[in-house]
N, C-alpha and C. Protein backbone atom coordinates (compact mmCIF):
# COMPACT_ATOMS: atom_id res chain seq x y z
N MET A 1 82.25 -85.57 -109.52
CA MET A 1 81.33 -84.51 -109.19
C MET A 1 82.01 -83.40 -108.41
N SER A 2 82.95 -83.73 -107.52
CA SER A 2 83.67 -82.72 -106.76
C SER A 2 84.53 -81.86 -107.68
N LEU A 3 85.18 -82.50 -108.63
CA LEU A 3 85.98 -81.76 -109.61
C LEU A 3 85.09 -80.80 -110.39
N ASN A 4 83.89 -81.24 -110.72
CA ASN A 4 82.95 -80.37 -111.43
C ASN A 4 82.59 -79.13 -110.61
N SER A 5 82.41 -79.30 -109.30
CA SER A 5 82.08 -78.13 -108.48
C SER A 5 83.24 -77.13 -108.44
N VAL A 6 84.46 -77.63 -108.53
CA VAL A 6 85.62 -76.76 -108.56
C VAL A 6 85.66 -76.02 -109.90
N LYS A 7 85.42 -76.74 -110.99
CA LYS A 7 85.37 -76.10 -112.31
C LYS A 7 84.28 -75.02 -112.35
N GLU A 8 83.11 -75.34 -111.79
CA GLU A 8 82.01 -74.38 -111.74
C GLU A 8 82.37 -73.16 -110.89
N PHE A 9 83.09 -73.39 -109.80
CA PHE A 9 83.53 -72.29 -108.94
C PHE A 9 84.40 -71.31 -109.73
N PHE A 10 85.41 -71.83 -110.42
CA PHE A 10 86.31 -70.96 -111.18
C PHE A 10 85.57 -70.27 -112.32
N SER A 11 84.63 -70.96 -112.94
CA SER A 11 83.83 -70.37 -114.02
C SER A 11 82.99 -69.22 -113.48
N ALA A 12 82.33 -69.44 -112.34
CA ALA A 12 81.51 -68.41 -111.72
C ALA A 12 82.34 -67.19 -111.31
N GLU A 13 83.58 -67.43 -110.91
CA GLU A 13 84.48 -66.34 -110.53
C GLU A 13 85.11 -65.66 -111.73
N ARG A 14 84.84 -66.23 -112.92
CA ARG A 14 85.46 -65.76 -114.16
C ARG A 14 86.99 -65.75 -114.03
N PHE A 15 87.49 -66.83 -113.44
CA PHE A 15 88.94 -66.96 -113.22
C PHE A 15 89.43 -68.11 -114.09
N ASN A 16 90.29 -67.78 -115.02
CA ASN A 16 90.81 -68.78 -115.95
C ASN A 16 92.02 -69.48 -115.33
N VAL A 17 91.85 -70.76 -115.04
CA VAL A 17 92.94 -71.54 -114.46
C VAL A 17 92.89 -72.93 -115.07
N ASP A 18 94.04 -73.49 -115.32
CA ASP A 18 94.10 -74.87 -115.82
C ASP A 18 94.08 -75.82 -114.64
N ILE A 19 93.13 -76.73 -114.66
CA ILE A 19 93.11 -77.78 -113.64
C ILE A 19 94.02 -78.89 -114.12
N ILE A 20 94.99 -79.21 -113.29
CA ILE A 20 95.98 -80.23 -113.63
C ILE A 20 95.42 -81.59 -113.20
N GLU A 21 95.10 -82.42 -114.17
CA GLU A 21 94.61 -83.77 -113.89
C GLU A 21 95.77 -84.72 -114.05
N LEU A 22 96.12 -85.40 -112.97
CA LEU A 22 97.30 -86.25 -112.91
C LEU A 22 96.94 -87.72 -113.08
N GLU A 23 97.84 -88.48 -113.67
CA GLU A 23 97.63 -89.93 -113.77
C GLU A 23 97.81 -90.58 -112.41
N ASP A 24 98.72 -90.05 -111.63
CA ASP A 24 99.00 -90.60 -110.30
C ASP A 24 98.23 -89.85 -109.24
N SER A 25 98.06 -90.48 -108.10
CA SER A 25 97.37 -89.86 -106.97
C SER A 25 98.17 -88.67 -106.46
N SER A 26 97.45 -87.66 -106.05
CA SER A 26 98.06 -86.50 -105.38
C SER A 26 97.37 -86.30 -104.04
N ALA A 27 96.93 -87.42 -103.43
CA ALA A 27 96.12 -87.37 -102.23
C ALA A 27 96.87 -86.97 -100.97
N THR A 28 98.20 -87.03 -101.00
CA THR A 28 98.99 -86.57 -99.86
C THR A 28 99.96 -85.51 -100.36
N VAL A 29 100.53 -84.76 -99.45
CA VAL A 29 101.50 -83.74 -99.83
C VAL A 29 102.64 -84.34 -100.62
N ASP A 30 103.21 -85.44 -100.13
CA ASP A 30 104.35 -86.05 -100.82
C ASP A 30 103.98 -86.58 -102.20
N LEU A 31 102.83 -87.22 -102.30
CA LEU A 31 102.38 -87.72 -103.61
C LEU A 31 102.12 -86.56 -104.57
N ALA A 32 101.49 -85.50 -104.08
CA ALA A 32 101.20 -84.34 -104.93
C ALA A 32 102.50 -83.68 -105.40
N ALA A 33 103.44 -83.51 -104.49
CA ALA A 33 104.71 -82.89 -104.85
C ALA A 33 105.45 -83.72 -105.90
N ALA A 34 105.46 -85.04 -105.72
CA ALA A 34 106.13 -85.91 -106.69
C ALA A 34 105.42 -85.87 -108.05
N ALA A 35 104.10 -85.94 -108.04
CA ALA A 35 103.33 -85.94 -109.28
C ALA A 35 103.47 -84.61 -110.03
N LEU A 36 103.59 -83.51 -109.29
CA LEU A 36 103.67 -82.19 -109.91
C LEU A 36 105.11 -81.75 -110.15
N GLY A 37 106.08 -82.48 -109.57
CA GLY A 37 107.48 -82.14 -109.73
C GLY A 37 107.89 -80.88 -109.01
N VAL A 38 107.30 -80.66 -107.82
CA VAL A 38 107.63 -79.48 -107.02
C VAL A 38 108.01 -79.91 -105.61
N GLN A 39 108.53 -78.97 -104.83
CA GLN A 39 108.88 -79.23 -103.45
C GLN A 39 107.60 -79.36 -102.61
N PRO A 40 107.58 -80.23 -101.59
CA PRO A 40 106.37 -80.41 -100.78
C PRO A 40 105.80 -79.14 -100.17
N GLN A 41 106.66 -78.19 -99.80
CA GLN A 41 106.16 -76.98 -99.18
C GLN A 41 105.30 -76.13 -100.13
N LEU A 42 105.40 -76.37 -101.44
CA LEU A 42 104.59 -75.64 -102.42
C LEU A 42 103.18 -76.19 -102.57
N ILE A 43 102.92 -77.34 -101.96
CA ILE A 43 101.57 -77.89 -101.98
C ILE A 43 100.78 -77.13 -100.92
N ALA A 44 99.64 -76.58 -101.30
CA ALA A 44 98.78 -75.87 -100.34
C ALA A 44 97.76 -76.87 -99.81
N LYS A 45 98.04 -77.41 -98.63
CA LYS A 45 97.12 -78.42 -98.09
C LYS A 45 95.97 -77.74 -97.35
N THR A 46 94.79 -78.32 -97.54
CA THR A 46 93.59 -77.78 -96.93
C THR A 46 93.12 -78.75 -95.85
N LEU A 47 93.06 -78.25 -94.63
CA LEU A 47 92.67 -79.06 -93.48
C LEU A 47 91.30 -78.59 -92.97
N ALA A 48 90.46 -79.54 -92.63
CA ALA A 48 89.10 -79.23 -92.17
C ALA A 48 88.99 -79.48 -90.67
N PHE A 49 88.50 -78.48 -89.94
CA PHE A 49 88.38 -78.55 -88.49
C PHE A 49 86.98 -78.18 -88.03
N LYS A 50 86.66 -78.64 -86.83
CA LYS A 50 85.47 -78.20 -86.09
C LYS A 50 86.00 -77.20 -85.08
N ALA A 51 85.59 -75.94 -85.20
CA ALA A 51 86.02 -74.89 -84.28
C ALA A 51 84.79 -74.44 -83.51
N GLY A 52 84.58 -75.02 -82.36
CA GLY A 52 83.35 -74.72 -81.61
C GLY A 52 82.17 -75.32 -82.34
N GLU A 53 81.23 -74.47 -82.73
CA GLU A 53 80.04 -74.94 -83.45
C GLU A 53 80.15 -74.81 -84.96
N LYS A 54 81.26 -74.28 -85.44
CA LYS A 54 81.38 -74.09 -86.89
C LYS A 54 82.50 -74.95 -87.49
N ASN A 55 82.34 -75.24 -88.76
CA ASN A 55 83.35 -75.98 -89.50
C ASN A 55 84.18 -74.97 -90.27
N ILE A 56 85.50 -75.16 -90.26
CA ILE A 56 86.41 -74.22 -90.93
C ILE A 56 87.42 -74.98 -91.76
N LEU A 57 88.02 -74.28 -92.70
CA LEU A 57 89.14 -74.81 -93.47
C LEU A 57 90.35 -73.94 -93.19
N ILE A 58 91.49 -74.59 -93.04
CA ILE A 58 92.76 -73.87 -92.90
C ILE A 58 93.67 -74.39 -94.01
N VAL A 59 94.16 -73.47 -94.83
CA VAL A 59 95.09 -73.82 -95.90
C VAL A 59 96.48 -73.45 -95.43
N THR A 60 97.40 -74.43 -95.51
CA THR A 60 98.76 -74.22 -95.04
C THR A 60 99.75 -74.67 -96.11
N SER A 61 100.98 -74.30 -95.91
CA SER A 61 102.07 -74.81 -96.74
C SER A 61 102.16 -76.33 -96.50
N GLY A 62 102.55 -77.06 -97.52
CA GLY A 62 102.57 -78.52 -97.45
C GLY A 62 103.37 -79.11 -96.33
N ASN A 63 104.46 -78.46 -95.91
CA ASN A 63 105.29 -79.02 -94.85
C ASN A 63 104.97 -78.44 -93.48
N ALA A 64 103.96 -77.58 -93.39
CA ALA A 64 103.60 -76.95 -92.12
C ALA A 64 102.73 -77.88 -91.28
N LYS A 65 102.86 -77.77 -89.98
CA LYS A 65 102.06 -78.55 -89.05
C LYS A 65 101.33 -77.59 -88.10
N ILE A 66 100.09 -77.93 -87.81
CA ILE A 66 99.30 -77.11 -86.89
C ILE A 66 99.95 -77.11 -85.51
N ASP A 67 100.06 -75.94 -84.92
CA ASP A 67 100.55 -75.78 -83.55
C ASP A 67 99.31 -75.71 -82.66
N ASN A 68 99.12 -76.73 -81.85
CA ASN A 68 97.90 -76.83 -81.04
C ASN A 68 97.71 -75.63 -80.12
N ARG A 69 98.79 -75.09 -79.57
CA ARG A 69 98.69 -73.93 -78.68
C ARG A 69 98.22 -72.70 -79.46
N LYS A 70 98.82 -72.45 -80.62
CA LYS A 70 98.41 -71.31 -81.43
C LYS A 70 96.95 -71.45 -81.88
N TYR A 71 96.58 -72.66 -82.26
CA TYR A 71 95.20 -72.91 -82.69
C TYR A 71 94.23 -72.59 -81.54
N LYS A 72 94.53 -73.13 -80.36
CA LYS A 72 93.65 -72.91 -79.21
C LYS A 72 93.61 -71.43 -78.81
N ASP A 73 94.73 -70.75 -78.88
CA ASP A 73 94.76 -69.33 -78.57
C ASP A 73 93.89 -68.54 -79.55
N HIS A 74 93.91 -68.91 -80.82
CA HIS A 74 93.15 -68.18 -81.84
C HIS A 74 91.66 -68.52 -81.79
N PHE A 75 91.34 -69.81 -81.75
CA PHE A 75 89.94 -70.23 -81.86
C PHE A 75 89.27 -70.50 -80.51
N LYS A 76 90.03 -70.42 -79.43
CA LYS A 76 89.50 -70.62 -78.06
C LYS A 76 88.91 -72.02 -77.86
N THR A 77 89.46 -73.00 -78.60
CA THR A 77 89.04 -74.39 -78.48
C THR A 77 90.18 -75.27 -78.99
N LYS A 78 90.16 -76.52 -78.60
CA LYS A 78 91.18 -77.46 -79.06
C LYS A 78 90.98 -77.77 -80.55
N ALA A 79 92.07 -78.04 -81.22
CA ALA A 79 92.02 -78.42 -82.65
C ALA A 79 91.38 -79.79 -82.77
N LYS A 80 90.28 -79.87 -83.51
CA LYS A 80 89.60 -81.14 -83.73
C LYS A 80 89.31 -81.26 -85.22
N MET A 81 90.05 -82.15 -85.88
CA MET A 81 89.86 -82.34 -87.31
C MET A 81 88.55 -83.07 -87.57
N LEU A 82 87.93 -82.75 -88.69
CA LEU A 82 86.72 -83.46 -89.11
C LEU A 82 87.10 -84.85 -89.59
N THR A 83 86.18 -85.79 -89.45
CA THR A 83 86.41 -87.14 -89.97
C THR A 83 86.30 -87.13 -91.49
N GLY A 84 86.78 -88.16 -92.13
CA GLY A 84 86.68 -88.26 -93.59
C GLY A 84 85.25 -88.15 -94.08
N GLU A 85 84.35 -88.80 -93.36
CA GLU A 85 82.93 -88.75 -93.73
C GLU A 85 82.37 -87.33 -93.58
N GLU A 86 82.72 -86.66 -92.48
CA GLU A 86 82.27 -85.28 -92.28
C GLU A 86 82.85 -84.36 -93.35
N VAL A 87 84.13 -84.56 -93.69
CA VAL A 87 84.77 -83.74 -94.70
C VAL A 87 84.02 -83.86 -96.03
N MET A 88 83.71 -85.08 -96.43
CA MET A 88 83.01 -85.30 -97.69
C MET A 88 81.62 -84.65 -97.68
N GLN A 89 80.92 -84.82 -96.58
CA GLN A 89 79.56 -84.27 -96.45
C GLN A 89 79.57 -82.73 -96.45
N ILE A 90 80.48 -82.15 -95.69
CA ILE A 90 80.49 -80.71 -95.49
C ILE A 90 81.12 -79.96 -96.67
N THR A 91 82.25 -80.48 -97.18
CA THR A 91 82.94 -79.76 -98.27
C THR A 91 82.48 -80.24 -99.65
N GLY A 92 82.06 -81.50 -99.74
CA GLY A 92 81.75 -82.08 -101.04
C GLY A 92 82.97 -82.66 -101.71
N HIS A 93 84.11 -82.60 -101.03
CA HIS A 93 85.37 -83.11 -101.58
C HIS A 93 85.86 -84.28 -100.74
N PRO A 94 86.44 -85.30 -101.39
CA PRO A 94 87.00 -86.41 -100.63
C PRO A 94 88.32 -86.02 -99.99
N VAL A 95 88.66 -86.69 -98.90
CA VAL A 95 89.98 -86.50 -98.29
C VAL A 95 91.02 -86.81 -99.38
N GLY A 96 92.01 -85.96 -99.49
CA GLY A 96 93.01 -86.09 -100.55
C GLY A 96 92.72 -85.15 -101.72
N GLY A 97 91.49 -84.64 -101.76
CA GLY A 97 91.12 -83.69 -102.81
C GLY A 97 90.51 -82.43 -102.24
N VAL A 98 90.55 -82.31 -100.91
CA VAL A 98 89.91 -81.16 -100.24
C VAL A 98 90.62 -79.88 -100.64
N CYS A 99 89.81 -78.90 -100.99
CA CYS A 99 90.32 -77.59 -101.39
C CYS A 99 89.30 -76.53 -100.97
N PRO A 100 89.69 -75.28 -101.01
CA PRO A 100 88.77 -74.22 -100.58
C PRO A 100 87.87 -73.69 -101.71
N PHE A 101 87.66 -74.49 -102.73
CA PHE A 101 86.86 -74.08 -103.89
C PHE A 101 85.69 -75.02 -104.10
N GLY A 102 84.56 -74.50 -104.57
CA GLY A 102 83.43 -75.35 -104.94
C GLY A 102 82.88 -76.15 -103.78
N LEU A 103 82.75 -75.52 -102.64
CA LEU A 103 82.33 -76.21 -101.42
C LEU A 103 80.82 -76.43 -101.37
N ASN A 104 80.42 -77.51 -100.71
CA ASN A 104 78.99 -77.81 -100.50
C ASN A 104 78.32 -76.80 -99.59
N THR A 105 79.06 -76.33 -98.60
CA THR A 105 78.50 -75.40 -97.61
C THR A 105 79.43 -74.20 -97.46
N ASP A 106 78.87 -73.08 -97.05
CA ASP A 106 79.70 -71.92 -96.76
C ASP A 106 80.54 -72.21 -95.53
N MET A 107 81.81 -71.94 -95.63
CA MET A 107 82.72 -72.16 -94.52
C MET A 107 83.69 -71.00 -94.44
N GLU A 108 84.13 -70.70 -93.23
CA GLU A 108 85.19 -69.72 -93.08
C GLU A 108 86.48 -70.40 -93.55
N ILE A 109 87.25 -69.67 -94.33
CA ILE A 109 88.51 -70.18 -94.86
C ILE A 109 89.63 -69.32 -94.32
N TYR A 110 90.61 -69.99 -93.76
CA TYR A 110 91.78 -69.32 -93.19
C TYR A 110 93.01 -69.72 -93.98
N LEU A 111 93.92 -68.78 -94.15
CA LEU A 111 95.18 -69.02 -94.83
C LEU A 111 96.30 -68.81 -93.83
N ASP A 112 97.09 -69.84 -93.63
CA ASP A 112 98.17 -69.73 -92.66
C ASP A 112 99.33 -68.92 -93.23
N GLU A 113 99.98 -68.20 -92.34
CA GLU A 113 101.13 -67.38 -92.70
C GLU A 113 102.23 -68.16 -93.44
N SER A 114 102.26 -69.49 -93.25
CA SER A 114 103.28 -70.32 -93.89
C SER A 114 103.22 -70.22 -95.41
N LEU A 115 102.08 -69.79 -95.96
CA LEU A 115 101.93 -69.65 -97.41
C LEU A 115 102.58 -68.38 -97.94
N LYS A 116 102.75 -67.39 -97.09
CA LYS A 116 103.20 -66.08 -97.55
C LYS A 116 104.63 -66.05 -98.10
N GLN A 117 105.40 -67.09 -97.81
CA GLN A 117 106.78 -67.12 -98.30
C GLN A 117 106.86 -67.51 -99.79
N PHE A 118 105.72 -67.88 -100.38
CA PHE A 118 105.71 -68.32 -101.78
C PHE A 118 104.89 -67.39 -102.65
N HIS A 119 105.29 -67.31 -103.91
CA HIS A 119 104.49 -66.55 -104.87
C HIS A 119 103.34 -67.41 -105.37
N GLU A 120 103.62 -68.68 -105.70
CA GLU A 120 102.61 -69.59 -106.21
C GLU A 120 102.60 -70.89 -105.39
N VAL A 121 101.41 -71.48 -105.28
CA VAL A 121 101.25 -72.76 -104.58
C VAL A 121 100.28 -73.64 -105.37
N TYR A 122 100.20 -74.90 -104.96
CA TYR A 122 99.38 -75.89 -105.65
C TYR A 122 98.35 -76.51 -104.71
N PRO A 123 97.16 -75.94 -104.63
CA PRO A 123 96.11 -76.60 -103.85
C PRO A 123 95.46 -77.72 -104.68
N ALA A 124 94.81 -78.64 -103.99
CA ALA A 124 94.04 -79.69 -104.67
C ALA A 124 92.88 -79.02 -105.40
N ALA A 125 92.20 -79.83 -106.23
CA ALA A 125 91.08 -79.29 -107.01
C ALA A 125 89.87 -80.21 -106.93
N GLY A 126 89.60 -80.71 -105.72
CA GLY A 126 88.38 -81.47 -105.52
C GLY A 126 88.46 -82.96 -105.78
N SER A 127 89.62 -83.43 -106.17
CA SER A 127 89.81 -84.85 -106.49
C SER A 127 91.21 -85.27 -106.05
N PRO A 128 91.39 -86.53 -105.65
CA PRO A 128 92.72 -86.98 -105.21
C PRO A 128 93.76 -87.07 -106.31
N ASN A 129 93.43 -86.64 -107.52
CA ASN A 129 94.45 -86.62 -108.57
C ASN A 129 94.39 -85.31 -109.38
N CYS A 130 93.91 -84.25 -108.76
CA CYS A 130 93.80 -82.95 -109.45
C CYS A 130 94.36 -81.84 -108.56
N ALA A 131 94.92 -80.84 -109.23
CA ALA A 131 95.45 -79.67 -108.54
C ALA A 131 95.35 -78.47 -109.45
N VAL A 132 95.58 -77.30 -108.88
CA VAL A 132 95.69 -76.06 -109.65
C VAL A 132 96.93 -75.33 -109.17
N LYS A 133 97.49 -74.52 -110.04
CA LYS A 133 98.63 -73.67 -109.69
C LYS A 133 98.09 -72.26 -109.57
N LEU A 134 98.23 -71.67 -108.37
CA LEU A 134 97.67 -70.34 -108.14
C LEU A 134 98.69 -69.44 -107.45
N ALA A 135 98.65 -68.16 -107.80
CA ALA A 135 99.40 -67.18 -107.02
C ALA A 135 98.75 -67.12 -105.65
N VAL A 136 99.52 -66.95 -104.60
CA VAL A 136 98.97 -66.86 -103.26
C VAL A 136 97.98 -65.70 -103.16
N SER A 137 98.26 -64.62 -103.86
CA SER A 137 97.33 -63.48 -103.86
C SER A 137 95.99 -63.86 -104.48
N ASP A 138 96.00 -64.70 -105.52
CA ASP A 138 94.74 -65.17 -106.11
C ASP A 138 94.02 -66.13 -105.17
N LEU A 139 94.77 -66.97 -104.47
CA LEU A 139 94.17 -67.87 -103.48
C LEU A 139 93.43 -67.04 -102.43
N GLU A 140 94.07 -65.99 -101.96
CA GLU A 140 93.44 -65.12 -100.94
C GLU A 140 92.18 -64.46 -101.51
N ARG A 141 92.27 -63.91 -102.70
CA ARG A 141 91.14 -63.20 -103.29
C ARG A 141 89.99 -64.15 -103.59
N LEU A 142 90.27 -65.30 -104.18
CA LEU A 142 89.22 -66.24 -104.58
C LEU A 142 88.48 -66.85 -103.39
N THR A 143 89.20 -67.06 -102.30
CA THR A 143 88.60 -67.73 -101.14
C THR A 143 88.08 -66.75 -100.09
N GLY A 144 88.49 -65.49 -100.18
CA GLY A 144 88.18 -64.55 -99.10
C GLY A 144 88.89 -64.97 -97.83
N GLY A 145 89.98 -65.68 -97.99
CA GLY A 145 90.72 -66.25 -96.86
C GLY A 145 91.20 -65.20 -95.87
N ILE A 146 91.12 -65.57 -94.61
CA ILE A 146 91.55 -64.73 -93.49
C ILE A 146 92.93 -65.23 -93.05
N TRP A 147 93.91 -64.34 -93.04
CA TRP A 147 95.26 -64.74 -92.65
C TRP A 147 95.36 -64.94 -91.14
N LEU A 148 96.09 -65.98 -90.77
CA LEU A 148 96.36 -66.27 -89.36
C LEU A 148 97.66 -67.02 -89.26
N ASP A 149 98.13 -67.20 -88.02
CA ASP A 149 99.37 -67.93 -87.76
C ASP A 149 99.06 -69.04 -86.77
N VAL A 150 98.80 -70.24 -87.27
CA VAL A 150 98.49 -71.38 -86.40
C VAL A 150 99.39 -72.57 -86.65
N CYS A 151 100.49 -72.38 -87.36
CA CYS A 151 101.40 -73.48 -87.61
C CYS A 151 102.66 -73.35 -86.79
N GLN A 152 103.33 -74.47 -86.60
CA GLN A 152 104.59 -74.47 -85.87
C GLN A 152 105.64 -73.69 -86.63
N SER A 153 106.54 -73.05 -85.89
CA SER A 153 107.64 -72.34 -86.53
C SER A 153 108.55 -73.35 -87.20
N SER A 154 109.11 -72.98 -88.33
CA SER A 154 109.94 -73.92 -89.09
C SER A 154 111.37 -73.95 -88.58
N SER A 155 111.69 -73.18 -87.56
CA SER A 155 113.07 -73.15 -87.05
C SER A 155 113.34 -74.29 -86.09
């Protein structure tokens, strides 16, 4: 059902994209990278947080890690990830398949600067064994994503 909401999202946006359905799990960055035959940093991981009273999604490069200080400076609260149950209820997607498409509820979507170094990335597609290949510019346009810098520096 989550995969269907993603398909419906792309259809409603009139955006033609092939959803990659994998035989193997792509529920983690490393599994997704291996299944897709790409470097882990090209996986666009979607993280769900509680920021004050609202739920948000932050999409980052696969090898990026949230910097708690940057997060707190930006959102004026500590980083608190949603539980698996909350993620499923709020997004409609299971952990391992969370993506910024076909969501159950309207959420603010943020795109971390770590994605800007790539032309194309691979976000999940609502299921722990599905992904899509998207230009970062299309990811921004389709999600209405707001750019921010909340990940640790890679140096």
